[in-house]
PDB file of N, CA and C in Angstrom:
ATOM      1  N   MET A   1     108.197  95.156 102.884  1.00  0.00           N
ATOM      2  CA  MET A   1     108.822  96.040 103.873  1.00  0.00           C
ATOM      3  C   MET A   1     107.946  97.312 104.052  1.00  0.00           C
ATOM      4  N   LEU A   2     107.399  97.789 102.907  1.00  0.00           N
ATOM      5  CA  LEU A   2     106.557  98.994 103.001  1.00  0.00           C
ATOM      6  C   LEU A   2     105.380  98.751 103.943  1.00  0.00           C
ATOM      7  N   SER A   3     104.738  97.614 103.840  1.00  0.00           N
ATOM      8  CA  SER A   3     103.638  97.286 104.662  1.00  0.00           C
ATOM      9  C   SER A   3     104.005  97.244 106.138  1.00  0.00           C
ATOM     10  N   ALA A   4     105.179  96.686 106.439  1.00  0.00           N
ATOM     11  CA  ALA A   4     105.672  96.731 107.830  1.00  0.00           C
ATOM     12  C   ALA A   4     105.906  98.047 108.306  1.00  0.00           C
ATOM     13  N   CYS A   5     106.456  98.947 107.461  1.00  0.00           N
ATOM     14  CA  CYS A   5     106.627 100.333 107.923  1.00  0.00           C
ATOM     15  C   CYS A   5     105.309 101.057 108.126  1.00  0.00           C
ATOM     16  N   GLU A   6     104.364 100.779 107.298  1.00  0.00           N
ATOM     17  CA  GLU A   6     103.038 101.394 107.483  1.00  0.00           C
ATOM     18  C   GLU A   6     102.422 100.910 108.798  1.00  0.00           C
ATOM     19  N   CYS A   7     102.625  99.646 109.119  1.00  0.00           N
ATOM     20  CA  CYS A   7     102.134  99.121 110.412  1.00  0.00           C
ATOM     21  C   CYS A   7     102.779  99.898 111.546  1.00  0.00           C
ATOM     22  N   LEU A   8     104.069 100.159 111.437  1.00  0.00           N
ATOM     23  CA  LEU A   8     104.758 100.924 112.441  1.00  0.00           C
ATOM     24  C   LEU A   8     104.109 102.335 112.673  1.00  0.00           C
ATOM     25  N   ASP A   9     103.728 102.940 111.569  1.00  0.00           N
ATOM     26  CA  ASP A   9     103.113 104.228 111.627  1.00  0.00           C
ATOM     27  C   ASP A   9     101.762 104.092 112.474  1.00  0.00           C
ATOM     28  N   PHE A  10     100.992 103.069 112.147  1.00  0.00           N
ATOM     29  CA  PHE A  10      99.768 102.880 112.916  1.00  0.00           C
ATOM     30  C   PHE A  10     100.061 102.578 114.363  1.00  0.00           C
ATOM     31  N   ILE A  11     101.080 101.822 114.601  1.00  0.00           N
ATOM     32  CA  ILE A  11     101.475 101.483 116.015  1.00  0.00           C
ATOM     33  C   ILE A  11     101.775 102.732 116.762  1.00  0.00           C
ATOM     34  N   ARG A  12     102.543 103.592 116.148  1.00  0.00           N
ATOM     35  CA  ARG A  12     102.958 104.905 116.770  1.00  0.00           C
ATOM     36  C   ARG A  12     101.727 105.729 117.074  1.00  0.00           C
ATOM     37  N   GLN A  13     100.767 105.821 116.141  1.00  0.00           N
ATOM     38  CA  GLN A  13      99.533 106.595 116.303  1.00  0.00           C
ATOM     39  C   GLN A  13      98.680 106.055 117.388  1.00  0.00           C
ATOM     40  N   ALA A  14      98.548 104.752 117.442  1.00  0.00           N
ATOM     41  CA  ALA A  14      97.783 104.083 118.435  1.00  0.00           C
ATOM     42  C   ALA A  14      98.387 104.353 119.847  1.00  0.00           C
ATOM     43  N   GLU A  15      99.738 104.218 119.950  1.00  0.00           N
ATOM     44  CA  GLU A  15     100.368 104.500 121.175  1.00  0.00           C
ATOM     45  C   GLU A  15     100.139 105.902 121.661  1.00  0.00           C
ATOM     46  N   ALA A  16     100.167 106.856 120.742  1.00  0.00           N
ATOM     47  CA  ALA A  16      99.927 108.250 121.090  1.00  0.00           C
ATOM     48  C   ALA A  16      98.479 108.436 121.666  1.00  0.00           C
ATOM     49  N   GLU A  17      97.546 107.803 120.938  1.00  0.00           N
ATOM     50  CA  GLU A  17      96.143 107.891 121.385  1.00  0.00           C
ATOM     51  C   GLU A  17      95.927 107.280 122.793  1.00  0.00           C
ATOM     52  N   ILE A  18      96.583 106.131 123.016  1.00  0.00           N
ATOM     53  CA  ILE A  18      96.491 105.505 124.336  1.00  0.00           C
ATOM     54  C   ILE A  18      97.148 106.380 125.373  1.00  0.00           C
ATOM     55  N   LYS A  19      98.266 106.967 125.073  1.00  0.00           N
ATOM     56  CA  LYS A  19      98.941 107.835 125.975  1.00  0.00           C
ATOM     57  C   LYS A  19      98.049 109.044 126.325  1.00  0.00           C
ATOM     58  N   LYS A  20      97.362 109.552 125.320  1.00  0.00           N
ATOM     59  CA  LYS A  20      96.567 110.769 125.504  1.00  0.00           C
ATOM     60  C   LYS A  20      95.243 110.482 126.214  1.00  0.00           C
ATOM     61  N   HIS A  21      94.589 109.331 125.891  1.00  0.00           N
ATOM     62  CA  HIS A  21      93.249 109.062 126.385  1.00  0.00           C
ATOM     63  C   HIS A  21      93.208 107.937 127.436  1.00  0.00           C
ATOM     64  N   GLY A  22      94.233 107.183 127.497  1.00  0.00           N
ATOM     65  CA  GLY A  22      94.272 106.045 128.458  1.00  0.00           C
ATOM     66  C   GLY A  22      93.795 104.748 127.806  1.00  0.00           C
ATOM     67  N   LEU A  23      93.956 103.609 128.589  1.00  0.00           N
ATOM     68  CA  LEU A  23      93.595 102.334 128.166  1.00  0.00           C
ATOM     69  C   LEU A  23      92.056 102.156 128.015  1.00  0.00           C
ATOM     70  N   VAL A  24      91.365 102.894 128.866  1.00  0.00           N
ATOM     71  CA  VAL A  24      89.853 102.793 128.811  1.00  0.00           C
ATOM     72  C   VAL A  24      89.316 104.195 128.512  1.00  0.00           C
ATOM     73  N   ILE A  25      88.135 104.218 127.887  1.00  0.00           N
ATOM     74  CA  ILE A  25      87.465 105.489 127.658  1.00  0.00           C
ATOM     75  C   ILE A  25      85.994 105.330 128.073  1.00  0.00           C
ATOM     76  N   THR A  26      85.275 106.439 128.144  1.00  0.00           N
ATOM     77  CA  THR A  26      83.893 106.461 128.496  1.00  0.00           C
ATOM     78  C   THR A  26      83.088 106.659 127.206  1.00  0.00           C
ATOM     79  N   ASP A  27      82.122 105.857 126.866  1.00  0.00           N
ATOM     80  CA  ASP A  27      81.317 106.103 125.586  1.00  0.00           C
ATOM     81  C   ASP A  27      80.286 107.096 125.869  1.00  0.00           C
ATOM     82  N   LYS A  28      79.431 107.380 124.877  1.00  0.00           N
ATOM     83  CA  LYS A  28      78.385 108.379 125.020  1.00  0.00           C
ATOM     84  C   LYS A  28      77.293 107.977 126.007  1.00  0.00           C
ATOM     85  N   TYR A  29      77.246 106.707 126.428  1.00  0.00           N
ATOM     86  CA  TYR A  29      76.286 106.308 127.388  1.00  0.00           C
ATOM     87  C   TYR A  29      76.904 106.112 128.776  1.00  0.00           C
ATOM     88  N   SER A  30      78.074 106.743 128.939  1.00  0.00           N
ATOM     89  CA  SER A  30      78.828 106.730 130.191  1.00  0.00           C
ATOM     90  C   SER A  30      79.285 105.416 130.617  1.00  0.00           C
ATOM     91  N   ARG A  31      79.461 104.485 129.700  1.00  0.00           N
ATOM     92  CA  ARG A  31      79.996 103.149 129.951  1.00  0.00           C
ATOM     93  C   ARG A  31      81.468 103.113 129.731  1.00  0.00           C
ATOM     94  N   VAL A  32      82.216 102.543 130.634  1.00  0.00           N
ATOM     95  CA  VAL A  32      83.678 102.416 130.431  1.00  0.00           C
ATOM     96  C   VAL A  32      83.936 101.259 129.504  1.00  0.00           C
ATOM     97  N   LYS A  33      84.750 101.501 128.512  1.00  0.00           N
ATOM     98  CA  LYS A  33      85.166 100.428 127.579  1.00  0.00           C
ATOM     99  C   LYS A  33      86.629 100.589 127.147  1.00  0.00           C
ATOM    100  N   SER A  34      87.128  99.556 126.597  1.00  0.00           N
ATOM    101  CA  SER A  34      88.532  99.629 126.094  1.00  0.00           C
ATOM    102  C   SER A  34      88.685 100.627 125.012  1.00  0.00           C
ATOM    103  N   ASN A  35      89.819 101.382 125.038  1.00  0.00           N
ATOM    104  CA  ASN A  35      90.116 102.329 124.025  1.00  0.00           C
ATOM    105  C   ASN A  35      90.296 101.580 122.734  1.00  0.00           C
ATOM    106  N   PRO A  36      89.597 101.943 121.672  1.00  0.00           N
ATOM    107  CA  PRO A  36      89.780 101.272 120.361  1.00  0.00           C
ATOM    108  C   PRO A  36      91.172 101.258 119.809  1.00  0.00           C
ATOM    109  N   ALA A  37      91.982 102.231 120.280  1.00  0.00           N
ATOM    110  CA  ALA A  37      93.403 102.241 119.851  1.00  0.00           C
ATOM    111  C   ALA A  37      94.185 101.017 120.382  1.00  0.00           C
ATOM    112  N   CYS A  38      93.665 100.402 121.476  1.00  0.00           N
ATOM    113  CA  CYS A  38      94.325  99.189 121.991  1.00  0.00           C
ATOM    114  C   CYS A  38      94.202  98.081 120.957  1.00  0.00           C
ATOM    115  N   THR A  39      93.045  97.977 120.285  1.00  0.00           N
ATOM    116  CA  THR A  39      92.806  96.947 119.260  1.00  0.00           C
ATOM    117  C   THR A  39      93.679  97.238 118.059  1.00  0.00           C
ATOM    118  N   VAL A  40      93.713  98.484 117.644  1.00  0.00           N
ATOM    119  CA  VAL A  40      94.515  98.920 116.518  1.00  0.00           C
ATOM    120  C   VAL A  40      96.007  98.550 116.856  1.00  0.00           C
ATOM    121  N   LEU A  41      96.465  98.823 118.023  1.00  0.00           N
ATOM    122  CA  LEU A  41      97.850  98.578 118.382  1.00  0.00           C
ATOM    123  C   LEU A  41      98.117  97.074 118.305  1.00  0.00           C
ATOM    124  N   LYS A  42      97.282  96.247 118.932  1.00  0.00           N
ATOM    125  CA  LYS A  42      97.517  94.785 118.911  1.00  0.00           C
ATOM    126  C   LYS A  42      97.474  94.254 117.490  1.00  0.00           C
ATOM    127  N   GLU A  43      96.536  94.650 116.701  1.00  0.00           N
ATOM    128  CA  GLU A  43      96.395  94.103 115.313  1.00  0.00           C
ATOM    129  C   GLU A  43      97.596  94.481 114.486  1.00  0.00           C
ATOM    130  N   HIS A  44      98.061  95.768 114.608  1.00  0.00           N
ATOM    131  CA  HIS A  44      99.150  96.181 113.738  1.00  0.00           C
ATOM    132  C   HIS A  44     100.495  95.644 114.228  1.00  0.00           C
ATOM    133  N   LYS A  45     100.675  95.326 115.517  1.00  0.00           N
ATOM    134  CA  LYS A  45     101.898  94.689 115.955  1.00  0.00           C
ATOM    135  C   LYS A  45     101.977  93.264 115.336  1.00  0.00           C
ATOM    136  N   THR A  46     100.812  92.607 115.383  1.00  0.00           N
ATOM    137  CA  THR A  46     100.731  91.221 114.858  1.00  0.00           C
ATOM    138  C   THR A  46     101.027  91.268 113.342  1.00  0.00           C
ATOM    139  N   LEU A  47     100.358  92.203 112.629  1.00  0.00           N
ATOM    140  CA  LEU A  47     100.585  92.341 111.185  1.00  0.00           C
ATOM    141  C   LEU A  47     102.030  92.669 110.868  1.00  0.00           C
ATOM    142  N   MET A  48     102.607  93.565 111.647  1.00  0.00           N
ATOM    143  CA  MET A  48     103.977  93.944 111.360  1.00  0.00           C
ATOM    144  C   MET A  48     104.922  92.738 111.534  1.00  0.00           C
ATOM    145  N   LEU A  49     104.719  92.003 112.611  1.00  0.00           N
ATOM    146  CA  LEU A  49     105.523  90.842 112.877  1.00  0.00           C
ATOM    147  C   LEU A  49     105.367  89.809 111.677  1.00  0.00           C
ATOM    148  N   ASN A  50     104.137  89.593 111.241  1.00  0.00           N
ATOM    149  CA  ASN A  50     103.913  88.676 110.089  1.00  0.00           C
ATOM    150  C   ASN A  50     104.586  89.161 108.832  1.00  0.00           C
ATOM    151  N   TYR A  51     104.525  90.468 108.565  1.00  0.00           N
ATOM    152  CA  TYR A  51     105.159  90.997 107.372  1.00  0.00           C
ATOM    153  C   TYR A  51     106.687  90.817 107.468  1.00  0.00           C
ATOM    154  N   LEU A  52     107.280  91.058 108.642  1.00  0.00           N
ATOM    155  CA  LEU A  52     108.735  90.921 108.837  1.00  0.00           C
ATOM    156  C   LEU A  52     109.094  89.423 108.698  1.00  0.00           C
ATOM    157  N   LYS A  53     108.323  88.520 109.251  1.00  0.00           N
ATOM    158  CA  LYS A  53     108.611  87.106 109.035  1.00  0.00           C
ATOM    159  C   LYS A  53     108.592  86.661 107.624  1.00  0.00           C
ATOM    160  N   ALA A  54     107.637  87.251 106.875  1.00  0.00           N
ATOM    161  CA  ALA A  54     107.485  86.885 105.437  1.00  0.00           C
ATOM    162  C   ALA A  54     108.706  87.315 104.616  1.00  0.00           C
ATOM    163  N   LEU A  55     109.412  88.305 105.052  1.00  0.00           N
ATOM    164  CA  LEU A  55     110.615  88.683 104.398  1.00  0.00           C
ATOM    165  C   LEU A  55     111.796  87.757 104.606  1.00  0.00           C
ATOM    166  N   ASN A  56     111.662  86.767 105.462  1.00  0.00           N
ATOM    167  CA  ASN A  56     112.735  85.827 105.717  1.00  0.00           C
ATOM    168  C   ASN A  56     114.037  86.478 106.059  1.00  0.00           C
ATOM    169  N   LEU A  57     114.013  87.519 106.855  1.00  0.00           N
ATOM    170  CA  LEU A  57     115.198  88.196 107.225  1.00  0.00           C
ATOM    171  C   LEU A  57     115.964  87.379 108.296  1.00  0.00           C
ATOM    172  N   ASP A  58     117.218  87.459 108.299  1.00  0.00           N
ATOM    173  CA  ASP A  58     118.046  86.696 109.293  1.00  0.00           C
ATOM    174  C   ASP A  58     118.334  87.646 110.481  1.00  0.00           C
ATOM    175  N   PHE A  59     117.668  87.371 111.564  1.00  0.00           N
ATOM    176  CA  PHE A  59     117.872  88.121 112.797  1.00  0.00           C
ATOM    177  C   PHE A  59     118.717  87.418 113.816  1.00  0.00           C
ATOM    178  N   SER A  60     119.412  86.408 113.375  1.00  0.00           N
ATOM    179  CA  SER A  60     120.154  85.554 114.349  1.00  0.00           C
ATOM    180  C   SER A  60     121.285  86.348 114.926  1.00  0.00           C
ATOM    181  N   SER A  61     121.841  87.359 114.323  1.00  0.00           N
ATOM    182  CA  SER A  61     122.968  88.079 114.818  1.00  0.00           C
ATOM    183  C   SER A  61     122.532  89.264 115.672  1.00  0.00           C
ATOM    184  N   ILE A  62     121.238  89.506 115.796  1.00  0.00           N
ATOM    185  CA  ILE A  62     120.698  90.635 116.603  1.00  0.00           C
ATOM    186  C   ILE A  62     120.329  90.207 117.961  1.00  0.00           C
ATOM    187  N   ASP A  63     120.691  91.067 118.967  1.00  0.00           N
ATOM    188  CA  ASP A  63     120.409  90.763 120.331  1.00  0.00           C
ATOM    189  C   ASP A  63     118.889  90.875 120.500  1.00  0.00           C
ATOM    190  N   LYS A  64     118.234  89.684 120.787  1.00  0.00           N
ATOM    191  CA  LYS A  64     116.828  89.608 120.901  1.00  0.00           C
ATOM    192  C   LYS A  64     116.258  90.475 122.003  1.00  0.00           C
ATOM    193  N   HIS A  65     117.049  90.839 122.974  1.00  0.00           N
ATOM    194  CA  HIS A  65     116.568  91.683 124.099  1.00  0.00           C
ATOM    195  C   HIS A  65     116.567  93.144 123.678  1.00  0.00           C
ATOM    196  N   ALA A  66     117.359  93.492 122.698  1.00  0.00           N
ATOM    197  CA  ALA A  66     117.494  94.894 122.285  1.00  0.00           C
ATOM    198  C   ALA A  66     116.273  95.246 121.367  1.00  0.00           C
ATOM    199  N   ILE A  67     115.783  94.311 120.656  1.00  0.00           N
ATOM    200  CA  ILE A  67     114.668  94.608 119.696  1.00  0.00           C
ATOM    201  C   ILE A  67     113.537  93.684 120.026  1.00  0.00           C
ATOM    202  N   SER A  68     112.404  94.242 120.309  1.00  0.00           N
ATOM    203  CA  SER A  68     111.163  93.438 120.467  1.00  0.00           C
ATOM    204  C   SER A  68     109.991  94.339 120.203  1.00  0.00           C
ATOM    205  N   LEU A  69     108.827  93.797 119.898  1.00  0.00           N
ATOM    206  CA  LEU A  69     107.687  94.580 119.668  1.00  0.00           C
ATOM    207  C   LEU A  69     107.204  95.390 120.896  1.00  0.00           C
ATOM    208  N   ASN A  70     107.645  94.971 122.056  1.00  0.00           N
ATOM    209  CA  ASN A  70     107.282  95.726 123.273  1.00  0.00           C
ATOM    210  C   ASN A  70     108.168  96.956 123.501  1.00  0.00           C
ATOM    211  N   ASN A  71     109.221  97.061 122.718  1.00  0.00           N
ATOM    212  CA  ASN A  71     110.109  98.174 122.846  1.00  0.00           C
ATOM    213  C   ASN A  71     110.149  99.052 121.589  1.00  0.00           C
ATOM    214  N   LEU A  72     108.978  99.240 120.945  1.00  0.00           N
ATOM    215  CA  LEU A  72     108.919 100.058 119.743  1.00  0.00           C
ATOM    216  C   LEU A  72     108.764 101.555 120.017  1.00  0.00           C
ATOM    217  N   ASN A  73     109.220 102.016 121.089  1.00  0.00           N
ATOM    218  CA  ASN A  73     109.104 103.421 121.469  1.00  0.00           C
ATOM    219  C   ASN A  73     110.172 104.244 120.881  1.00  0.00           C
TER     220      ASN A  73
END
């Protein structure tokens, strides 16, 4: 559970970076590239989901539309 919560912290930080700098950034050679925070966000969402699945929690009584990785705001 601790690892899942740590992932959530990284998710929140990545979302803040994306909000601040956007989905794309310009590197030192003036090339446009994907914001590295996008990769961090994707990886930690996947990790968090895997950690939660490993806990074998019963989510059957929870409204699946109310909770999703896309609504972690």
